[in-house]
Each structure stands twice: as structure tokens, then as C-alpha cells.
Amino acid sequence: MSAEGRVRRPLTYVLLSGGLLVMAAPFLWMGLSAFKTQRELSASPPVWIPGQWTLANFRQLLADLDLPLYFMNSVIVAVLVTVSNLVFCSMLGYALAKLRFAGRSKVFGVVLGALMVPGNLMLLPLFVLMSKLQLIDSYAGLVLPFAAGAFGVFLMRQFMQSIPDELLEAARMDGAGEWFIFWRIVMPLVKPALATLAILTFLGSWNNFVWPLIATNDPDKYTLPVALATFATDPNKAGGSNGVLMAGSFLIVLPVLAVFIALQRHFTQGIATAGMK
């Protein structure tokens, strides 16, 4: 290794480690603060490592907030949104990538155009539509507007283009129908893309705050982020306790980390190979 390389490699490691520390610092602070006493949370200068680890913040959170109900609401909504995106986005992605039909390029243009529309512009039309359908304060009203997304269609279409056409033609010559080809041949080949889409969709749905806040008036239908935000603004419950809010935020992050760790290998492969042909 040259002298320049011996200097560049340690410098690269230092810069990458510094960037990782900057990105991870807020999450480390949140996780550690969940186990701190109120005195340590208000200490100056700030205390990073709890001197006295405590579960009091979690106990207060469970006592003041119906956490199992809101957690289950978030799980139901996030899982339904994720599964529906995996199914519908894969179907449309397959059609755009491997089927020949009139107007295919125009449909793909609509998908690309939808990617450029800010999501906040759709909140009012979605609310009016869900209200007309009488789906406000229901799981259907929380799930249906996000049952399929333009990004998911684009991702699956790009990934499915890498599947050789000869493989599908051989299956058709053997008498296989399109449904058989899609479910038994194509879907197993796009597991990395499915894992990528699952993680991104689950993360977006789990952390979604604005739409559940708009589409739910019944507290029993609140998702976890909405419930925690409402809890934080209620002085009769949270009482300004940062430790309790940190504990709630910590619990919100845990499922996302679990999903990412479970699908990390496929996620990395999907990001690396998406769009390759």
C-alpha cells in the first residue's frame, strides 16, 4: 500500500465514524434518557450515561397511557399497509415491466408524475373522500389511502426488469398462466426488492403522524405516535416529564429496529441491485 493510501484509509474511517456518531447521537440520547431519573434529565451539564438506571418512566407511561391499545392500532395499520403495498405494487410493477398492453408507457408516466406530487397536497382530497365513504375513525380509513404507493410501483418495476424475459417465455411455453408465473416464478426472485419495500413502507406507516391525526377523532383509534403526542400535550398526564416521553419514543422505535434487523440482508441487497438490468 502506498503512503497516500496509508493516510487516506484511517482518515476515511475517522470521517465515517464521525458521521455515524452524529447520526446516532439523538437515538442514543433518547434510549439512555428513557432510563434516567428526572434529576439526571434536568442536570446541567447533560448526563449521558444514567448514574441510576430506572424503569420508573416506563411504569408511569403504562399507568397513564393505554399503551397496548395504541400499540396494537399501530401494528394493525402498519402491517395492513405493508402487505397491501407488497401485493398491489408488485402486481402493477410486473405489469409495467413484463406485460405488453396499450398505454403502458402512459401508465408508467402517471406513476412517475405521482412521485413528484408532495404528499401533503393529497391530505385534503383524501380526507374528503374518506369522509364521503364514511371511513373516518376506522382502520379502513387509515389503510386504504396508502394501500399502494407510486414509489413501491416504481421500485418493483425497476427490479422486475432485471428478470430475463426468456425465463418467463419458457414458462409460458410450458403452459403456465400469468398468475402462476407471477406468484411462483417472479415473486421468489424479487425477495430483496420486497424486503426493501416492506421496510420502507412499514417505517413510513409506523411513523405516520399527520394522516392518523386528521382521520381519527375517536381516541380508541389513535395510533401510537398520535397517542404519544396527545399524551405529551396533556399536563394532567405527562406533566412535562421528559423521561416519560423519551420512554414512549423509545418504545415507538423498537418495532422498526426489529423489522430492519430481520430484513437487513435482503434490504441491503435490494438497494444495491434495484434498477440493474
Protein backbone atom coordinates (compact mmCIF):
# COMPACT_ATOMS: atom_id res chain seq x y z
CA MET A 1 0.00 0.00 0.00
CA SER A 2 1.30 3.45 -0.92
CA ALA A 3 1.97 6.16 1.64
CA GLU A 4 -1.05 8.08 0.36
CA GLY A 5 -3.24 5.02 0.87
CA ARG A 6 -1.99 4.52 4.42
CA VAL A 7 -3.03 8.08 5.24
CA ARG A 8 -6.30 8.07 3.33
CA ARG A 9 -7.75 4.89 4.85
CA PRO A 10 -7.53 5.96 8.53
CA LEU A 11 -8.85 9.40 7.58
CA THR A 12 -11.80 7.79 5.81
CA TYR A 13 -12.56 5.67 8.86
CA VAL A 14 -12.41 8.74 11.11
CA LEU A 15 -14.78 10.72 8.88
CA LEU A 16 -17.24 7.83 8.57
CA SER A 17 -17.13 7.20 12.32
CA GLY A 18 -17.77 10.89 12.96
CA GLY A 19 -20.76 10.88 10.60
CA LEU A 20 -22.14 7.74 12.26
CA LEU A 21 -21.77 9.33 15.68
CA VAL A 22 -23.62 12.47 14.58
CA MET A 23 -26.49 10.41 13.16
CA ALA A 24 -26.69 8.01 16.11
CA ALA A 25 -26.32 10.61 18.89
CA PRO A 26 -30.04 11.61 19.03
CA PHE A 27 -31.12 7.96 19.18
CA LEU A 28 -28.56 7.15 21.86
CA TRP A 29 -29.70 10.16 23.87
CA MET A 30 -33.33 9.10 23.56
CA GLY A 31 -32.62 5.50 24.55
CA LEU A 32 -30.46 6.42 27.52
CA SER A 33 -32.80 9.19 28.69
CA ALA A 34 -35.65 6.69 28.92
CA PHE A 35 -33.82 5.08 31.85
CA LYS A 36 -32.77 8.28 33.64
CA THR A 37 -34.27 9.89 36.70
CA GLN A 38 -35.91 13.31 36.38
CA ARG A 39 -32.98 14.82 38.23
CA GLU A 40 -30.48 13.47 35.70
CA LEU A 41 -32.65 14.63 32.80
CA SER A 42 -32.59 18.21 34.06
CA ALA A 43 -28.91 18.15 35.05
CA SER A 44 -26.52 20.75 33.66
CA PRO A 45 -24.19 19.87 32.03
CA PRO A 46 -26.18 17.00 30.50
CA VAL A 47 -25.59 13.49 31.79
CA TRP A 48 -25.25 10.91 29.03
CA ILE A 49 -24.97 7.65 30.96
CA PRO A 50 -27.59 7.19 33.70
CA GLY A 51 -25.98 7.06 37.12
CA GLN A 52 -29.02 5.24 38.43
CA TRP A 53 -30.88 3.13 35.87
CA THR A 54 -34.62 3.16 36.46
CA LEU A 55 -37.80 1.81 34.85
CA ALA A 56 -39.97 4.44 36.53
CA ASN A 57 -40.56 6.27 33.25
CA PHE A 58 -41.91 3.11 31.61
CA ARG A 59 -44.10 2.32 34.61
CA GLN A 60 -45.57 5.82 34.56
CA LEU A 61 -46.14 5.58 30.81
CA LEU A 62 -48.01 2.29 31.18
CA ALA A 63 -50.04 3.69 34.08
CA ASP A 64 -51.08 6.91 32.33
CA LEU A 65 -51.45 5.66 28.74
CA ASP A 66 -53.33 2.67 27.32
CA LEU A 67 -50.18 1.58 25.56
CA PRO A 68 -51.32 -1.94 24.46
CA LEU A 69 -54.35 -0.48 22.65
CA TYR A 70 -52.39 2.17 20.75
CA PHE A 71 -49.55 -0.23 20.05
CA MET A 72 -51.98 -2.74 18.55
CA ASN A 73 -53.62 0.01 16.46
CA SER A 74 -50.22 0.91 15.02
CA VAL A 75 -49.38 -2.75 14.37
CA ILE A 76 -52.68 -3.40 12.57
CA VAL A 77 -52.40 -0.30 10.38
CA ALA A 78 -48.69 -0.73 9.59
CA VAL A 79 -49.00 -4.44 8.78
CA LEU A 80 -52.07 -3.97 6.56
CA VAL A 81 -50.47 -1.06 4.70
CA THR A 82 -47.24 -3.02 4.22
CA VAL A 83 -48.92 -6.21 3.00
CA SER A 84 -51.21 -4.33 0.62
CA ASN A 85 -48.25 -2.43 -0.84
CA LEU A 86 -46.28 -5.64 -1.34
CA VAL A 87 -49.18 -7.21 -3.23
CA PHE A 88 -50.53 -4.31 -5.28
CA CYS A 89 -47.20 -2.64 -6.08
CA SER A 90 -45.77 -5.98 -7.17
CA MET A 91 -48.74 -6.62 -9.44
CA LEU A 92 -48.54 -3.25 -11.14
CA GLY A 93 -44.74 -3.39 -11.26
CA TYR A 94 -44.93 -6.78 -13.00
CA ALA A 95 -47.47 -5.48 -15.50
CA LEU A 96 -45.36 -2.44 -16.33
CA ALA A 97 -42.13 -4.45 -16.57
CA LYS A 98 -43.15 -7.67 -18.32
CA LEU A 99 -46.57 -7.34 -19.96
CA ARG A 100 -47.33 -5.65 -23.25
CA PHE A 101 -50.54 -3.62 -23.33
CA ALA A 102 -51.80 -0.39 -24.85
CA GLY A 103 -50.93 2.68 -22.83
CA ARG A 104 -48.23 1.01 -20.75
CA SER A 105 -45.82 3.92 -21.14
CA LYS A 106 -48.58 6.38 -20.22
CA VAL A 107 -49.40 4.44 -17.06
CA PHE A 108 -45.73 4.49 -16.10
CA GLY A 109 -45.68 8.23 -16.78
CA VAL A 110 -48.57 8.65 -14.35
CA VAL A 111 -46.61 6.71 -11.75
CA LEU A 112 -43.59 8.96 -12.25
CA GLY A 113 -45.80 12.02 -12.05
CA ALA A 114 -47.31 10.79 -8.79
CA LEU A 115 -43.80 10.57 -7.34
CA MET A 116 -43.40 14.31 -7.85
CA VAL A 117 -46.61 15.30 -6.04
CA PRO A 118 -45.98 16.30 -2.39
CA GLY A 119 -47.92 14.04 -0.05
CA ASN A 120 -49.30 16.98 1.95
CA LEU A 121 -51.23 18.19 -1.09
CA MET A 122 -53.27 14.99 -1.02
CA LEU A 123 -54.37 15.25 2.61
CA LEU A 124 -57.46 17.39 1.97
CA PRO A 125 -58.78 15.36 -1.02
CA LEU A 126 -58.13 12.14 0.90
CA PHE A 127 -59.99 13.42 3.94
CA VAL A 128 -62.97 14.50 1.83
CA LEU A 129 -63.01 11.11 0.07
CA MET A 130 -62.76 9.11 3.30
CA SER A 131 -65.46 11.29 4.84
CA LYS A 132 -67.80 10.71 1.87
CA LEU A 133 -67.17 6.96 2.21
CA GLN A 134 -67.82 7.21 5.97
CA LEU A 135 -64.43 5.70 6.75
CA ILE A 136 -63.27 8.30 9.26
CA ASP A 137 -62.40 6.73 12.63
CA SER A 138 -61.88 3.31 11.09
CA TYR A 139 -58.95 1.08 10.21
CA ALA A 140 -60.05 1.17 6.57
CA GLY A 141 -59.75 4.97 6.57
CA LEU A 142 -56.20 4.69 7.88
CA VAL A 143 -55.13 1.92 5.49
CA LEU A 144 -56.84 2.44 2.12
CA PRO A 145 -55.22 5.81 1.22
CA PHE A 146 -51.79 4.15 1.50
CA ALA A 147 -52.62 0.65 0.20
CA ALA A 148 -50.36 1.26 -2.82
CA GLY A 149 -47.71 3.89 -3.45
CA ALA A 150 -46.05 5.25 -6.55
CA PHE A 151 -42.58 4.65 -5.14
CA GLY A 152 -43.38 0.99 -4.49
CA VAL A 153 -44.63 0.53 -8.05
CA PHE A 154 -41.52 2.22 -9.44
CA LEU A 155 -39.20 0.13 -7.25
CA MET A 156 -40.85 -3.19 -8.17
CA ARG A 157 -41.00 -2.30 -11.84
CA GLN A 158 -37.31 -1.42 -11.96
CA PHE A 159 -36.32 -4.57 -10.10
CA MET A 160 -38.54 -6.88 -12.19
CA GLN A 161 -36.96 -5.59 -15.37
CA SER A 162 -33.80 -7.46 -14.34
CA ILE A 163 -35.63 -10.81 -14.66
CA PRO A 164 -34.77 -12.40 -18.04
CA ASP A 165 -37.68 -12.41 -20.47
CA GLU A 166 -36.52 -15.81 -21.71
CA LEU A 167 -37.34 -17.34 -18.31
CA LEU A 168 -40.93 -16.12 -18.45
CA GLU A 169 -41.35 -17.10 -22.09
CA ALA A 170 -40.17 -20.62 -21.28
CA ALA A 171 -42.78 -20.85 -18.53
CA ARG A 172 -45.49 -19.66 -20.91
CA MET A 173 -44.43 -22.25 -23.50
CA ASP A 174 -44.83 -24.92 -20.80
CA GLY A 175 -48.42 -23.81 -20.32
CA ALA A 176 -48.03 -21.65 -17.21
CA GLY A 177 -50.53 -18.83 -16.81
CA GLU A 178 -49.65 -15.28 -15.81
CA TRP A 179 -50.82 -15.77 -12.23
CA PHE A 180 -48.63 -18.85 -11.85
CA ILE A 181 -45.66 -17.03 -13.37
CA PHE A 182 -46.19 -14.02 -11.13
CA TRP A 183 -46.61 -15.88 -7.83
CA ARG A 184 -44.36 -18.91 -8.35
CA ILE A 185 -41.55 -17.54 -10.53
CA VAL A 186 -41.34 -13.76 -10.31
CA MET A 187 -42.14 -13.16 -6.64
CA PRO A 188 -39.45 -15.54 -5.28
CA LEU A 189 -36.88 -13.81 -7.50
CA VAL A 190 -37.65 -10.34 -6.16
CA LYS A 191 -37.35 -11.06 -2.43
CA PRO A 192 -34.67 -8.35 -1.94
CA ALA A 193 -36.96 -5.74 -3.51
CA LEU A 194 -39.90 -6.98 -1.44
CA ALA A 195 -37.82 -6.69 1.73
CA THR A 196 -36.75 -3.17 0.78
CA LEU A 197 -40.32 -2.12 0.07
CA ALA A 198 -41.55 -3.80 3.27
CA ILE A 199 -39.06 -1.94 5.45
CA LEU A 200 -39.65 1.45 3.85
CA THR A 201 -43.44 1.04 3.86
CA PHE A 202 -43.59 -0.25 7.42
CA LEU A 203 -41.33 2.57 8.60
CA GLY A 204 -43.42 5.22 6.84
CA SER A 205 -46.72 3.80 8.10
CA TRP A 206 -45.50 3.25 11.66
CA ASN A 207 -44.17 6.81 11.93
CA ASN A 208 -47.09 8.42 10.07
CA PHE A 209 -48.50 11.14 12.27
CA VAL A 210 -50.39 13.70 10.19
CA TRP A 211 -52.91 11.43 8.48
CA PRO A 212 -53.90 9.41 11.60
CA LEU A 213 -54.26 12.70 13.44
CA ILE A 214 -56.61 14.03 10.76
CA ALA A 215 -58.54 10.82 10.12
CA THR A 216 -59.26 9.84 13.73
CA ASN A 217 -61.45 11.59 16.26
CA ASP A 218 -62.01 8.57 18.48
CA PRO A 219 -59.08 8.13 20.93
CA ASP A 220 -59.57 4.36 20.72
CA LYS A 221 -58.44 4.50 17.07
CA TYR A 222 -55.29 6.55 17.74
CA THR A 223 -52.01 5.11 16.54
CA LEU A 224 -49.01 5.20 18.85
CA PRO A 225 -47.42 8.44 17.52
CA VAL A 226 -50.73 10.31 17.77
CA ALA A 227 -51.44 8.92 21.23
CA LEU A 228 -47.99 9.86 22.46
CA ALA A 229 -48.26 13.38 21.03
CA THR A 230 -51.67 13.84 22.68
CA PHE A 231 -50.26 12.45 25.90
CA ALA A 232 -47.32 14.88 25.75
CA THR A 233 -49.62 17.91 25.50
CA ASP A 234 -51.85 16.81 28.38
CA PRO A 235 -50.45 18.36 31.59
CA ASN A 236 -52.69 16.12 33.69
CA LYS A 237 -50.87 13.05 32.39
CA ALA A 238 -47.36 13.69 31.11
CA GLY A 239 -46.87 16.55 33.48
CA GLY A 240 -43.91 17.79 31.46
CA SER A 241 -41.91 14.66 32.25
CA ASN A 242 -39.29 14.32 29.55
CA GLY A 243 -38.34 10.90 30.85
CA VAL A 244 -41.82 9.50 30.19
CA LEU A 245 -41.85 10.98 26.69
CA MET A 246 -38.40 9.53 25.99
CA ALA A 247 -39.67 6.14 27.17
CA GLY A 248 -42.61 6.39 24.78
CA SER A 249 -40.38 7.41 21.88
CA PHE A 250 -38.05 4.54 22.69
CA LEU A 251 -40.92 2.06 22.51
CA ILE A 252 -42.04 3.51 19.16
CA VAL A 253 -38.59 2.95 17.65
CA LEU A 254 -38.16 -0.65 18.83
CA PRO A 255 -40.53 -2.34 16.29
CA VAL A 256 -38.89 -0.50 13.41
CA LEU A 257 -35.46 -1.66 14.55
CA ALA A 258 -36.73 -5.22 14.87
CA VAL A 259 -38.13 -5.20 11.32
CA PHE A 260 -34.93 -3.70 9.91
CA ILE A 261 -32.69 -6.21 11.68
CA ALA A 262 -34.85 -9.10 10.48
CA LEU A 263 -34.76 -7.95 6.84
CA GLN A 264 -31.39 -6.19 6.80
CA ARG A 265 -29.66 -8.63 4.46
CA HIS A 266 -32.43 -8.51 1.86
CA PHE A 267 -32.77 -4.75 2.29
CA THR A 268 -29.09 -4.15 1.52
CA GLN A 269 -29.23 -6.44 -1.49
CA GLY A 270 -32.38 -4.79 -2.76
CA ILE A 271 -30.91 -1.29 -2.56
CA ALA A 272 -27.71 -2.44 -4.26
CA THR A 273 -29.38 -4.19 -7.18
CA ALA A 274 -32.58 -2.17 -7.77
CA GLY A 275 -32.73 -0.87 -11.30
CA MET A 276 -29.89 -3.09 -12.59
CA LYS A 277 -30.55 -4.90 -15.84
